[in-house]
Amino acid sequence: MLLAKQALMAPVDIHELMDKAARGDKLARIEELRLELHDKVNALGIGAQGLGGLTTVLDVKILDYPTHAASLPVAMIPNCAATRHIHFHLDGSGPVKLEPPRLEDWPAVSWQADEKTATRVDLNTLTKAEVAAWQPGQVLLLNGKMLTGRDAAHQRIAGMLAKGEPLPVDFTNRVIYYVGPVDPVRDEVVGPAGPTTATRMDKFTRLMLEQTGLIAMVGKAERGPTAIAAIRDNRAAYLMAVGGAAYLVAKAIKAARVVAFADLGMEAIHEFDVIDMPVTVAVDATGASVHETGPREWRIRIGTIPVVKH
């Protein structure tokens, strides 16, 4: 695991390795393996956010170390696209003082909702019929009040329902956002509030859709077969927010308050007031998932599977 963490901190330099191979220079076995994995992973067509594309990985790192012949330990550590780390050296001379990045060095972001390519949705009046009409890949701009909840909240809800206890929040015709927002500082309404991986809530999906009145969910990454079946059976939908952009996502949140399970801290159930929060329909009411159709289309484009002509 130490080697995996060391590799995680290494700079992206696969392009240098590609240049070396292009010149015909001799490559070490690990260098050959890095290039082979880089090319084969990208040929899968998975793409950013799993929606399909030419680039799935930017680099592949491999470190090895002598080990006992009877064992072959392997550790894999995927690095999130939102890389957050700093390099420093402790020499024992005293406390370390790290200068925070200057705001003027950050890229200027001037995003505005594109009403020509996106559909505005009023969460306060949302109906199951509207949800059932959403199409895979459709871009939505969420407006209104949205509930939050992730692992701990779902576990507690499941326990309360099993005991026949009333829930502290009415989920009828509501949308839940899988997020654990960071505490606000200074004049912030809420801190960074990016989506968490939705797969962890798969085991609660049918319960939430069939016993609470919930009609849609927002998170990141794909949903498994169990969740997709529940979504299809209940004519619900799963929406995907942009992962790795927690600070920018939070800009769409104009008000936030804890409405249940305050003792859970960041995992409490919040109610957000959002304006034009961009999401993509990842699983529609028929169970069609863009995490399946997107990569499949790109594999055809890349040529890793044959195109079937009818």
C-alpha atoms as a PDB file:
ATOM      1  CA  MET A   1       0.000   0.000   0.000  1.00  0.00           C
ATOM      2  CA  LEU A   2       2.948   2.315   0.651  1.00  0.00           C
ATOM      3  CA  LEU A   3       4.052   1.870  -2.973  1.00  0.00           C
ATOM      4  CA  ALA A   4       0.514   2.571  -4.171  1.00  0.00           C
ATOM      5  CA  LYS A   5       0.421   5.837  -2.252  1.00  0.00           C
ATOM      6  CA  GLN A   6       3.853   6.741  -3.588  1.00  0.00           C
ATOM      7  CA  ALA A   7       2.640   6.129  -7.135  1.00  0.00           C
ATOM      8  CA  LEU A   8      -0.426   8.261  -6.462  1.00  0.00           C
ATOM      9  CA  MET A   9       1.778  11.273  -5.784  1.00  0.00           C
ATOM     10  CA  ALA A  10       3.900  10.866  -8.906  1.00  0.00           C
ATOM     11  CA  PRO A  11       3.505  13.400 -11.727  1.00  0.00           C
ATOM     12  CA  VAL A  12       1.664  12.570 -14.950  1.00  0.00           C
ATOM     13  CA  ASP A  13       4.407  11.671 -17.433  1.00  0.00           C
ATOM     14  CA  ILE A  14       2.931   9.040 -19.736  1.00  0.00           C
ATOM     15  CA  HIS A  15       3.473  11.434 -22.648  1.00  0.00           C
ATOM     16  CA  GLU A  16       7.234  11.241 -22.076  1.00  0.00           C
ATOM     17  CA  LEU A  17       7.017   7.467 -22.207  1.00  0.00           C
ATOM     18  CA  MET A  18       5.045   7.664 -25.459  1.00  0.00           C
ATOM     19  CA  ASP A  19       7.728   9.902 -26.971  1.00  0.00           C
ATOM     20  CA  LYS A  20      10.399   7.453 -25.852  1.00  0.00           C
ATOM     21  CA  ALA A  21       8.585   4.569 -27.525  1.00  0.00           C
ATOM     22  CA  ALA A  22       8.042   6.622 -30.690  1.00  0.00           C
ATOM     23  CA  ARG A  23      11.792   7.272 -30.950  1.00  0.00           C
ATOM     24  CA  GLY A  24      12.418   3.552 -30.836  1.00  0.00           C
ATOM     25  CA  ASP A  25      14.262   3.716 -27.495  1.00  0.00           C
ATOM     26  CA  LYS A  26      14.523   0.551 -25.443  1.00  0.00           C
ATOM     27  CA  LEU A  27      11.717   0.335 -22.861  1.00  0.00           C
ATOM     28  CA  ALA A  28      11.911  -1.425 -19.528  1.00  0.00           C
ATOM     29  CA  ARG A  29       9.302  -4.127 -18.901  1.00  0.00           C
ATOM     30  CA  ILE A  30       7.351  -1.908 -16.489  1.00  0.00           C
ATOM     31  CA  GLU A  31       7.392   0.938 -19.026  1.00  0.00           C
ATOM     32  CA  GLU A  32       5.990  -1.408 -21.670  1.00  0.00           C
ATOM     33  CA  LEU A  33       3.295  -2.558 -19.232  1.00  0.00           C
ATOM     34  CA  ARG A  34       2.352   1.044 -18.389  1.00  0.00           C
ATOM     35  CA  LEU A  35       1.835   1.858 -22.064  1.00  0.00           C
ATOM     36  CA  GLU A  36      -0.054  -1.380 -22.702  1.00  0.00           C
ATOM     37  CA  LEU A  37      -2.474  -0.791 -19.818  1.00  0.00           C
ATOM     38  CA  HIS A  38      -2.922   2.883 -20.760  1.00  0.00           C
ATOM     39  CA  ASP A  39      -3.906   2.000 -24.330  1.00  0.00           C
ATOM     40  CA  LYS A  40      -6.102  -0.979 -23.457  1.00  0.00           C
ATOM     41  CA  VAL A  41      -8.006   0.839 -20.699  1.00  0.00           C
ATOM     42  CA  ASN A  42      -8.709   3.785 -22.995  1.00  0.00           C
ATOM     43  CA  ALA A  43      -9.846   1.366 -25.698  1.00  0.00           C
ATOM     44  CA  LEU A  44     -12.674   0.265 -23.369  1.00  0.00           C
ATOM     45  CA  GLY A  45     -14.512   3.485 -24.215  1.00  0.00           C
ATOM     46  CA  ILE A  46     -15.548   4.102 -20.593  1.00  0.00           C
ATOM     47  CA  GLY A  47     -14.612   7.780 -20.705  1.00  0.00           C
ATOM     48  CA  ALA A  48     -14.969  10.563 -18.159  1.00  0.00           C
ATOM     49  CA  GLN A  49     -17.686   9.950 -15.549  1.00  0.00           C
ATOM     50  CA  GLY A  50     -18.251   6.556 -17.215  1.00  0.00           C
ATOM     51  CA  LEU A  51     -20.359   8.122 -19.975  1.00  0.00           C
ATOM     52  CA  GLY A  52     -18.152   6.972 -22.854  1.00  0.00           C
ATOM     53  CA  GLY A  53     -15.201   8.591 -24.583  1.00  0.00           C
ATOM     54  CA  LEU A  54     -11.659   8.224 -25.847  1.00  0.00           C
ATOM     55  CA  THR A  55      -9.954   9.055 -22.553  1.00  0.00           C
ATOM     56  CA  THR A  56     -10.607   6.931 -19.480  1.00  0.00           C
ATOM     57  CA  VAL A  57      -7.168   7.207 -17.851  1.00  0.00           C
ATOM     58  CA  LEU A  58      -4.597   9.985 -18.174  1.00  0.00           C
ATOM     59  CA  ASP A  59      -1.708   7.898 -16.868  1.00  0.00           C
ATOM     60  CA  VAL A  60      -0.878   4.490 -15.398  1.00  0.00           C
ATOM     61  CA  LYS A  61       1.713   4.112 -12.634  1.00  0.00           C
ATOM     62  CA  ILE A  62       3.394   0.844 -11.697  1.00  0.00           C
ATOM     63  CA  LEU A  63       5.877   0.393  -8.855  1.00  0.00           C
ATOM     64  CA  ASP A  64       7.323  -2.926  -7.768  1.00  0.00           C
ATOM     65  CA  TYR A  65       9.427  -4.208  -4.890  1.00  0.00           C
ATOM     66  CA  PRO A  66      11.132  -7.541  -4.059  1.00  0.00           C
ATOM     67  CA  THR A  67       8.823  -9.893  -2.192  1.00  0.00           C
ATOM     68  CA  HIS A  68       8.698 -13.496  -1.030  1.00  0.00           C
ATOM     69  CA  ALA A  69       8.360 -15.964  -3.883  1.00  0.00           C
ATOM     70  CA  ALA A  70       5.317 -17.549  -2.237  1.00  0.00           C
ATOM     71  CA  SER A  71       3.298 -14.329  -2.310  1.00  0.00           C
ATOM     72  CA  LEU A  72       2.402 -11.779  -4.919  1.00  0.00           C
ATOM     73  CA  PRO A  73       0.731  -8.831  -3.180  1.00  0.00           C
ATOM     74  CA  VAL A  74      -0.906  -6.339  -5.528  1.00  0.00           C
ATOM     75  CA  ALA A  75      -2.430  -2.998  -4.569  1.00  0.00           C
ATOM     76  CA  MET A  76      -4.459  -0.828  -6.922  1.00  0.00           C
ATOM     77  CA  ILE A  77      -5.296   2.766  -6.091  1.00  0.00           C
ATOM     78  CA  PRO A  78      -7.239   4.717  -8.727  1.00  0.00           C
ATOM     79  CA  ASN A  79      -6.687   8.445  -8.488  1.00  0.00           C
ATOM     80  CA  CYS A  80      -9.764  10.661  -8.664  1.00  0.00           C
ATOM     81  CA  ALA A  81      -9.708  13.169 -11.504  1.00  0.00           C
ATOM     82  CA  ALA A  82      -9.920  15.920  -8.905  1.00  0.00           C
ATOM     83  CA  THR A  83      -6.348  15.683  -7.627  1.00  0.00           C
ATOM     84  CA  ARG A  84      -5.869  17.396  -4.305  1.00  0.00           C
ATOM     85  CA  HIS A  85      -2.414  17.127  -2.769  1.00  0.00           C
ATOM     86  CA  ILE A  86       0.662  19.157  -1.972  1.00  0.00           C
ATOM     87  CA  HIS A  87       4.308  18.095  -1.840  1.00  0.00           C
ATOM     88  CA  PHE A  88       6.435  19.147   1.134  1.00  0.00           C
ATOM     89  CA  HIS A  89       9.502  17.937   3.027  1.00  0.00           C
ATOM     90  CA  LEU A  90       9.873  17.715   6.807  1.00  0.00           C
ATOM     91  CA  ASP A  91      13.509  18.321   7.788  1.00  0.00           C
ATOM     92  CA  GLY A  92      13.014  18.650  11.545  1.00  0.00           C
ATOM     93  CA  SER A  93      13.881  22.346  11.664  1.00  0.00           C
ATOM     94  CA  GLY A  94      10.501  23.473  12.968  1.00  0.00           C
ATOM     95  CA  PRO A  95       6.840  23.815  12.060  1.00  0.00           C
ATOM     96  CA  VAL A  96       5.865  23.745   8.407  1.00  0.00           C
ATOM     97  CA  LYS A  97       4.160  26.802   6.981  1.00  0.00           C
ATOM     98  CA  LEU A  98       2.330  26.139   3.758  1.00  0.00           C
ATOM     99  CA  GLU A  99       1.114  29.060   1.710  1.00  0.00           C
ATOM    100  CA  PRO A 100      -2.458  28.634   0.457  1.00  0.00           C
ATOM    101  CA  PRO A 101      -2.983  28.959  -3.305  1.00  0.00           C
ATOM    102  CA  ARG A 102      -3.786  32.447  -4.519  1.00  0.00           C
ATOM    103  CA  LEU A 103      -7.328  32.885  -5.761  1.00  0.00           C
ATOM    104  CA  GLU A 104      -6.066  34.832  -8.780  1.00  0.00           C
ATOM    105  CA  ASP A 105      -4.177  31.712  -9.885  1.00  0.00           C
ATOM    106  CA  TRP A 106      -7.387  29.684 -10.108  1.00  0.00           C
ATOM    107  CA  PRO A 107      -9.124  29.443 -13.463  1.00  0.00           C
ATOM    108  CA  ALA A 108     -11.964  31.881 -13.955  1.00  0.00           C
ATOM    109  CA  VAL A 109     -15.283  30.041 -14.197  1.00  0.00           C
ATOM    110  CA  SER A 110     -18.210  31.881 -15.732  1.00  0.00           C
ATOM    111  CA  TRP A 111     -20.724  29.080 -16.261  1.00  0.00           C
ATOM    112  CA  GLN A 112     -24.231  29.989 -17.283  1.00  0.00           C
ATOM    113  CA  ALA A 113     -27.199  27.724 -17.826  1.00  0.00           C
ATOM    114  CA  ASP A 114     -27.832  26.939 -21.479  1.00  0.00           C
ATOM    115  CA  GLU A 115     -31.589  26.853 -21.892  1.00  0.00           C
ATOM    116  CA  LYS A 116     -31.221  25.667 -25.490  1.00  0.00           C
ATOM    117  CA  THR A 117     -29.639  22.363 -24.490  1.00  0.00           C
ATOM    118  CA  ALA A 118     -31.000  21.892 -20.959  1.00  0.00           C
ATOM    119  CA  THR A 119     -34.471  21.565 -19.461  1.00  0.00           C
ATOM    120  CA  ARG A 120     -35.431  23.433 -16.296  1.00  0.00           C
ATOM    121  CA  VAL A 121     -37.149  21.322 -13.648  1.00  0.00           C
ATOM    122  CA  ASP A 122     -39.229  22.674 -10.748  1.00  0.00           C
ATOM    123  CA  LEU A 123     -38.567  20.314  -7.856  1.00  0.00           C
ATOM    124  CA  ASN A 124     -41.369  21.844  -5.809  1.00  0.00           C
ATOM    125  CA  THR A 125     -44.045  20.676  -8.236  1.00  0.00           C
ATOM    126  CA  LEU A 126     -42.332  17.615  -9.716  1.00  0.00           C
ATOM    127  CA  THR A 127     -44.554  14.646 -10.551  1.00  0.00           C
ATOM    128  CA  LYS A 128     -43.915  11.000 -11.370  1.00  0.00           C
ATOM    129  CA  ALA A 129     -45.253  11.643 -14.871  1.00  0.00           C
ATOM    130  CA  GLU A 130     -42.585  14.294 -15.470  1.00  0.00           C
ATOM    131  CA  VAL A 131     -39.863  11.970 -14.195  1.00  0.00           C
ATOM    132  CA  ALA A 132     -41.084   9.168 -16.468  1.00  0.00           C
ATOM    133  CA  ALA A 133     -40.748  11.485 -19.477  1.00  0.00           C
ATOM    134  CA  TRP A 134     -37.030  12.186 -18.957  1.00  0.00           C
ATOM    135  CA  GLN A 135     -34.704  10.654 -21.546  1.00  0.00           C
ATOM    136  CA  PRO A 136     -31.249   9.075 -21.025  1.00  0.00           C
ATOM    137  CA  GLY A 137     -28.537  11.688 -21.485  1.00  0.00           C
ATOM    138  CA  GLN A 138     -30.951  14.592 -21.127  1.00  0.00           C
ATOM    139  CA  VAL A 139     -29.467  17.583 -19.294  1.00  0.00           C
ATOM    140  CA  LEU A 140     -31.678  19.036 -16.562  1.00  0.00           C
ATOM    141  CA  LEU A 141     -31.406  22.207 -14.477  1.00  0.00           C
ATOM    142  CA  LEU A 142     -32.825  21.524 -11.032  1.00  0.00           C
ATOM    143  CA  ASN A 143     -34.637  24.331  -9.221  1.00  0.00           C
ATOM    144  CA  GLY A 144     -36.367  24.314  -5.870  1.00  0.00           C
ATOM    145  CA  LYS A 145     -36.084  22.266  -2.687  1.00  0.00           C
ATOM    146  CA  MET A 146     -34.066  19.052  -2.677  1.00  0.00           C
ATOM    147  CA  LEU A 147     -33.339  16.659   0.186  1.00  0.00           C
ATOM    148  CA  THR A 148     -29.944  15.087   0.885  1.00  0.00           C
ATOM    149  CA  GLY A 149     -28.917  11.773   2.364  1.00  0.00           C
ATOM    150  CA  ARG A 150     -26.222   9.156   2.058  1.00  0.00           C
ATOM    151  CA  ASP A 151     -25.054   5.961   3.806  1.00  0.00           C
ATOM    152  CA  ALA A 152     -25.819   6.696   7.458  1.00  0.00           C
ATOM    153  CA  ALA A 153     -29.141   8.419   6.762  1.00  0.00           C
ATOM    154  CA  HIS A 154     -30.324   5.581   4.514  1.00  0.00           C
ATOM    155  CA  GLN A 155     -29.351   2.992   7.117  1.00  0.00           C
ATOM    156  CA  ARG A 156     -31.320   4.853   9.783  1.00  0.00           C
ATOM    157  CA  ILE A 157     -34.342   5.267   7.513  1.00  0.00           C
ATOM    158  CA  ALA A 158     -34.305   1.536   6.768  1.00  0.00           C
ATOM    159  CA  GLY A 159     -34.231   0.776  10.499  1.00  0.00           C
ATOM    160  CA  MET A 160     -37.126   3.122  11.228  1.00  0.00           C
ATOM    161  CA  LEU A 161     -39.259   1.663   8.457  1.00  0.00           C
ATOM    162  CA  ALA A 162     -38.539  -1.864   9.688  1.00  0.00           C
ATOM    163  CA  LYS A 163     -39.822  -0.860  13.136  1.00  0.00           C
ATOM    164  CA  GLY A 164     -42.857   0.917  11.747  1.00  0.00           C
ATOM    165  CA  GLU A 165     -41.659   4.279  13.035  1.00  0.00           C
ATOM    166  CA  PRO A 166     -42.684   7.491  11.245  1.00  0.00           C
ATOM    167  CA  LEU A 167     -39.956   9.224   9.261  1.00  0.00           C
ATOM    168  CA  PRO A 168     -38.959  12.761  10.238  1.00  0.00           C
ATOM    169  CA  VAL A 169     -39.097  13.869   6.593  1.00  0.00           C
ATOM    170  CA  ASP A 170     -41.769  13.387   3.933  1.00  0.00           C
ATOM    171  CA  PHE A 171     -40.129  12.023   0.786  1.00  0.00           C
ATOM    172  CA  THR A 172     -43.308  11.989  -1.297  1.00  0.00           C
ATOM    173  CA  ASN A 173     -42.530  13.193  -4.838  1.00  0.00           C
ATOM    174  CA  ARG A 174     -39.136  14.409  -3.647  1.00  0.00           C
ATOM    175  CA  VAL A 175     -35.612  14.119  -5.062  1.00  0.00           C
ATOM    176  CA  ILE A 176     -32.702  13.074  -2.858  1.00  0.00           C
ATOM    177  CA  TYR A 177     -29.098  14.133  -3.420  1.00  0.00           C
ATOM    178  CA  TYR A 178     -26.415  11.682  -2.290  1.00  0.00           C
ATOM    179  CA  VAL A 179     -24.078  14.177  -0.627  1.00  0.00           C
ATOM    180  CA  GLY A 180     -22.377  14.951   2.655  1.00  0.00           C
ATOM    181  CA  PRO A 181     -21.825  18.709   2.405  1.00  0.00           C
ATOM    182  CA  VAL A 182     -18.804  20.340   4.001  1.00  0.00           C
ATOM    183  CA  ASP A 183     -19.538  22.924   6.708  1.00  0.00           C
ATOM    184  CA  PRO A 184     -19.800  26.494   5.400  1.00  0.00           C
ATOM    185  CA  VAL A 185     -17.207  29.140   6.250  1.00  0.00           C
ATOM    186  CA  ARG A 186     -17.671  32.892   6.448  1.00  0.00           C
ATOM    187  CA  ASP A 187     -20.585  33.928   4.226  1.00  0.00           C
ATOM    188  CA  GLU A 188     -21.036  30.555   2.486  1.00  0.00           C
ATOM    189  CA  VAL A 189     -24.476  28.953   2.473  1.00  0.00           C
ATOM    190  CA  VAL A 190     -22.826  25.532   2.378  1.00  0.00           C
ATOM    191  CA  GLY A 191     -19.323  24.235   1.817  1.00  0.00           C
ATOM    192  CA  PRO A 192     -18.280  22.043  -1.131  1.00  0.00           C
ATOM    193  CA  ALA A 193     -21.164  19.685  -1.886  1.00  0.00           C
ATOM    194  CA  GLY A 194     -20.191  17.243  -4.594  1.00  0.00           C
ATOM    195  CA  PRO A 195     -22.059  13.972  -5.228  1.00  0.00           C
ATOM    196  CA  THR A 196     -20.921  10.778  -3.556  1.00  0.00           C
ATOM    197  CA  THR A 197     -20.820   7.415  -5.316  1.00  0.00           C
ATOM    198  CA  ALA A 198     -24.412   6.267  -5.743  1.00  0.00           C
ATOM    199  CA  THR A 199     -23.642   2.543  -5.860  1.00  0.00           C
ATOM    200  CA  ARG A 200     -23.409   2.427  -2.075  1.00  0.00           C
ATOM    201  CA  MET A 201     -27.111   3.308  -1.890  1.00  0.00           C
ATOM    202  CA  ASP A 202     -28.156   0.564  -4.330  1.00  0.00           C
ATOM    203  CA  LYS A 203     -29.293  -1.772  -1.545  1.00  0.00           C
ATOM    204  CA  PHE A 204     -31.667   0.917  -0.231  1.00  0.00           C
ATOM    205  CA  THR A 205     -33.078   2.031  -3.591  1.00  0.00           C
ATOM    206  CA  ARG A 206     -36.136  -0.212  -3.806  1.00  0.00           C
ATOM    207  CA  LEU A 207     -37.042   0.490  -0.179  1.00  0.00           C
ATOM    208  CA  MET A 208     -36.779   4.250  -0.700  1.00  0.00           C
ATOM    209  CA  LEU A 209     -38.799   4.234  -3.923  1.00  0.00           C
ATOM    210  CA  GLU A 210     -41.525   1.893  -2.696  1.00  0.00           C
ATOM    211  CA  GLN A 211     -41.894   2.866   0.966  1.00  0.00           C
ATOM    212  CA  THR A 212     -41.143   6.591   1.167  1.00  0.00           C
ATOM    213  CA  GLY A 213     -42.585   8.115  -2.024  1.00  0.00           C
ATOM    214  CA  LEU A 214     -39.175   9.175  -3.400  1.00  0.00           C
ATOM    215  CA  ILE A 215     -39.230   9.594  -7.195  1.00  0.00           C
ATOM    216  CA  ALA A 216     -35.640  10.465  -8.202  1.00  0.00           C
ATOM    217  CA  MET A 217     -32.049  10.398  -6.953  1.00  0.00           C
ATOM    218  CA  VAL A 218     -28.911  12.416  -7.690  1.00  0.00           C
ATOM    219  CA  GLY A 219     -25.381  11.085  -7.272  1.00  0.00           C
ATOM    220  CA  LYS A 220     -22.282  10.157  -9.236  1.00  0.00           C
ATOM    221  CA  ALA A 221     -21.088   7.018 -11.035  1.00  0.00           C
ATOM    222  CA  GLU A 222     -23.172   4.133 -12.305  1.00  0.00           C
ATOM    223  CA  ARG A 223     -25.976   2.175 -10.608  1.00  0.00           C
ATOM    224  CA  GLY A 224     -25.876  -1.585 -10.271  1.00  0.00           C
ATOM    225  CA  PRO A 225     -28.469  -4.090 -11.566  1.00  0.00           C
ATOM    226  CA  THR A 226     -30.397  -4.109  -8.280  1.00  0.00           C
ATOM    227  CA  ALA A 227     -30.891  -0.354  -8.276  1.00  0.00           C
ATOM    228  CA  ILE A 228     -31.671  -0.185 -11.995  1.00  0.00           C
ATOM    229  CA  ALA A 229     -34.363  -2.852 -11.594  1.00  0.00           C
ATOM    230  CA  ALA A 230     -35.938  -0.869  -8.734  1.00  0.00           C
ATOM    231  CA  ILE A 231     -35.811   2.341 -10.782  1.00  0.00           C
ATOM    232  CA  ARG A 232     -37.464   0.607 -13.756  1.00  0.00           C
ATOM    233  CA  ASP A 233     -40.147  -1.085 -11.651  1.00  0.00           C
ATOM    234  CA  ASN A 234     -41.103   2.218 -10.016  1.00  0.00           C
ATOM    235  CA  ARG A 235     -40.785   4.440 -13.093  1.00  0.00           C
ATOM    236  CA  ALA A 236     -38.264   6.594 -11.222  1.00  0.00           C
ATOM    237  CA  ALA A 237     -34.954   8.095 -12.409  1.00  0.00           C
ATOM    238  CA  TYR A 238     -31.329   8.463 -11.402  1.00  0.00           C
ATOM    239  CA  LEU A 239     -29.587  11.736 -12.209  1.00  0.00           C
ATOM    240  CA  MET A 240     -25.845  12.249 -12.264  1.00  0.00           C
ATOM    241  CA  ALA A 241     -24.165  15.408 -10.985  1.00  0.00           C
ATOM    242  CA  VAL A 242     -20.587  16.253 -11.983  1.00  0.00           C
ATOM    243  CA  GLY A 243     -18.051  14.462  -9.797  1.00  0.00           C
ATOM    244  CA  GLY A 244     -14.828  16.204  -8.787  1.00  0.00           C
ATOM    245  CA  ALA A 245     -16.395  19.672  -8.867  1.00  0.00           C
ATOM    246  CA  ALA A 246     -17.812  19.944  -5.337  1.00  0.00           C
ATOM    247  CA  TYR A 247     -17.059  23.653  -4.965  1.00  0.00           C
ATOM    248  CA  LEU A 248     -18.724  24.524  -8.271  1.00  0.00           C
ATOM    249  CA  VAL A 249     -21.762  22.331  -7.582  1.00  0.00           C
ATOM    250  CA  ALA A 250     -22.236  24.147  -4.272  1.00  0.00           C
ATOM    251  CA  LYS A 251     -22.618  27.424  -6.172  1.00  0.00           C
ATOM    252  CA  ALA A 252     -26.072  26.238  -7.251  1.00  0.00           C
ATOM    253  CA  ILE A 253     -27.147  25.870  -3.613  1.00  0.00           C
ATOM    254  CA  LYS A 254     -28.697  29.106  -2.382  1.00  0.00           C
ATOM    255  CA  ALA A 255     -29.964  27.943   1.025  1.00  0.00           C
ATOM    256  CA  ALA A 256     -29.399  24.926   3.257  1.00  0.00           C
ATOM    257  CA  ARG A 257     -30.810  23.659   6.531  1.00  0.00           C
ATOM    258  CA  VAL A 258     -30.707  20.408   8.505  1.00  0.00           C
ATOM    259  CA  VAL A 259     -34.148  18.797   8.615  1.00  0.00           C
ATOM    260  CA  ALA A 260     -33.394  15.413  10.242  1.00  0.00           C
ATOM    261  CA  PHE A 261     -30.697  13.315  11.935  1.00  0.00           C
ATOM    262  CA  ALA A 262     -28.612  16.314  13.040  1.00  0.00           C
ATOM    263  CA  ASP A 263     -26.468  13.993  15.162  1.00  0.00           C
ATOM    264  CA  LEU A 264     -25.041  12.490  11.964  1.00  0.00           C
ATOM    265  CA  GLY A 265     -23.116  15.682  11.195  1.00  0.00           C
ATOM    266  CA  MET A 266     -22.370  16.006   7.498  1.00  0.00           C
ATOM    267  CA  GLU A 267     -24.466  12.874   6.889  1.00  0.00           C
ATOM    268  CA  ALA A 268     -27.588  14.480   8.328  1.00  0.00           C
ATOM    269  CA  ILE A 269     -30.545  15.043   6.028  1.00  0.00           C
ATOM    270  CA  HIS A 270     -30.406  18.583   4.679  1.00  0.00           C
ATOM    271  CA  GLU A 271     -32.845  20.496   2.556  1.00  0.00           C
ATOM    272  CA  PHE A 272     -31.192  22.523  -0.196  1.00  0.00           C
ATOM    273  CA  ASP A 273     -32.713  25.323  -2.210  1.00  0.00           C
ATOM    274  CA  VAL A 274     -31.043  25.057  -5.607  1.00  0.00           C
ATOM    275  CA  ILE A 275     -31.078  27.218  -8.707  1.00  0.00           C
ATOM    276  CA  ASP A 276     -30.118  25.725 -12.062  1.00  0.00           C
ATOM    277  CA  MET A 277     -28.139  22.811 -10.642  1.00  0.00           C
ATOM    278  CA  PRO A 278     -26.989  20.882 -13.753  1.00  0.00           C
ATOM    279  CA  VAL A 279     -27.497  17.106 -13.833  1.00  0.00           C
ATOM    280  CA  THR A 280     -27.715  14.423 -16.510  1.00  0.00           C
ATOM    281  CA  VAL A 281     -30.333  11.674 -16.696  1.00  0.00           C
ATOM    282  CA  ALA A 282     -28.203   8.593 -16.152  1.00  0.00           C
ATOM    283  CA  VAL A 283     -30.969   5.984 -15.679  1.00  0.00           C
ATOM    284  CA  ASP A 284     -34.449   6.703 -17.003  1.00  0.00           C
ATOM    285  CA  ALA A 285     -37.812   5.239 -16.038  1.00  0.00           C
ATOM    286  CA  THR A 286     -37.356   2.317 -18.439  1.00  0.00           C
ATOM    287  CA  GLY A 287     -34.064   1.299 -16.818  1.00  0.00           C
ATOM    288  CA  ALA A 288     -31.890   2.504 -19.705  1.00  0.00           C
ATOM    289  CA  SER A 289     -28.477   3.486 -18.330  1.00  0.00           C
ATOM    290  CA  VAL A 290     -26.072   5.833 -20.090  1.00  0.00           C
ATOM    291  CA  HIS A 291     -23.249   4.092 -18.257  1.00  0.00           C
ATOM    292  CA  GLU A 292     -24.021   1.066 -20.420  1.00  0.00           C
ATOM    293  CA  THR A 293     -25.040   2.696 -23.691  1.00  0.00           C
ATOM    294  CA  GLY A 294     -22.302   5.361 -23.672  1.00  0.00           C
ATOM    295  CA  PRO A 295     -19.245   3.103 -23.383  1.00  0.00           C
ATOM    296  CA  ARG A 296     -20.844   0.589 -25.770  1.00  0.00           C
ATOM    297  CA  GLU A 297     -21.188   3.269 -28.437  1.00  0.00           C
ATOM    298  CA  TRP A 298     -17.614   4.398 -27.941  1.00  0.00           C
ATOM    299  CA  ARG A 299     -16.257   0.844 -28.122  1.00  0.00           C
ATOM    300  CA  ILE A 300     -17.895   0.604 -31.526  1.00  0.00           C
ATOM    301  CA  ARG A 301     -16.344   3.910 -32.562  1.00  0.00           C
ATOM    302  CA  ILE A 302     -12.932   2.891 -31.296  1.00  0.00           C
ATOM    303  CA  GLY A 303     -13.276  -0.415 -33.110  1.00  0.00           C
ATOM    304  CA  THR A 304     -12.825  -2.847 -30.247  1.00  0.00           C
ATOM    305  CA  ILE A 305     -16.084  -4.608 -31.067  1.00  0.00           C
ATOM    306  CA  PRO A 306     -17.571  -5.225 -34.507  1.00  0.00           C
ATOM    307  CA  VAL A 307     -20.435  -3.147 -35.795  1.00  0.00           C
ATOM    308  CA  VAL A 308     -23.436  -5.351 -36.482  1.00  0.00           C
ATOM    309  CA  LYS A 309     -25.196  -4.436 -39.715  1.00  0.00           C
ATOM    310  CA  HIS A 310     -28.881  -5.220 -40.059  1.00  0.00           C
END
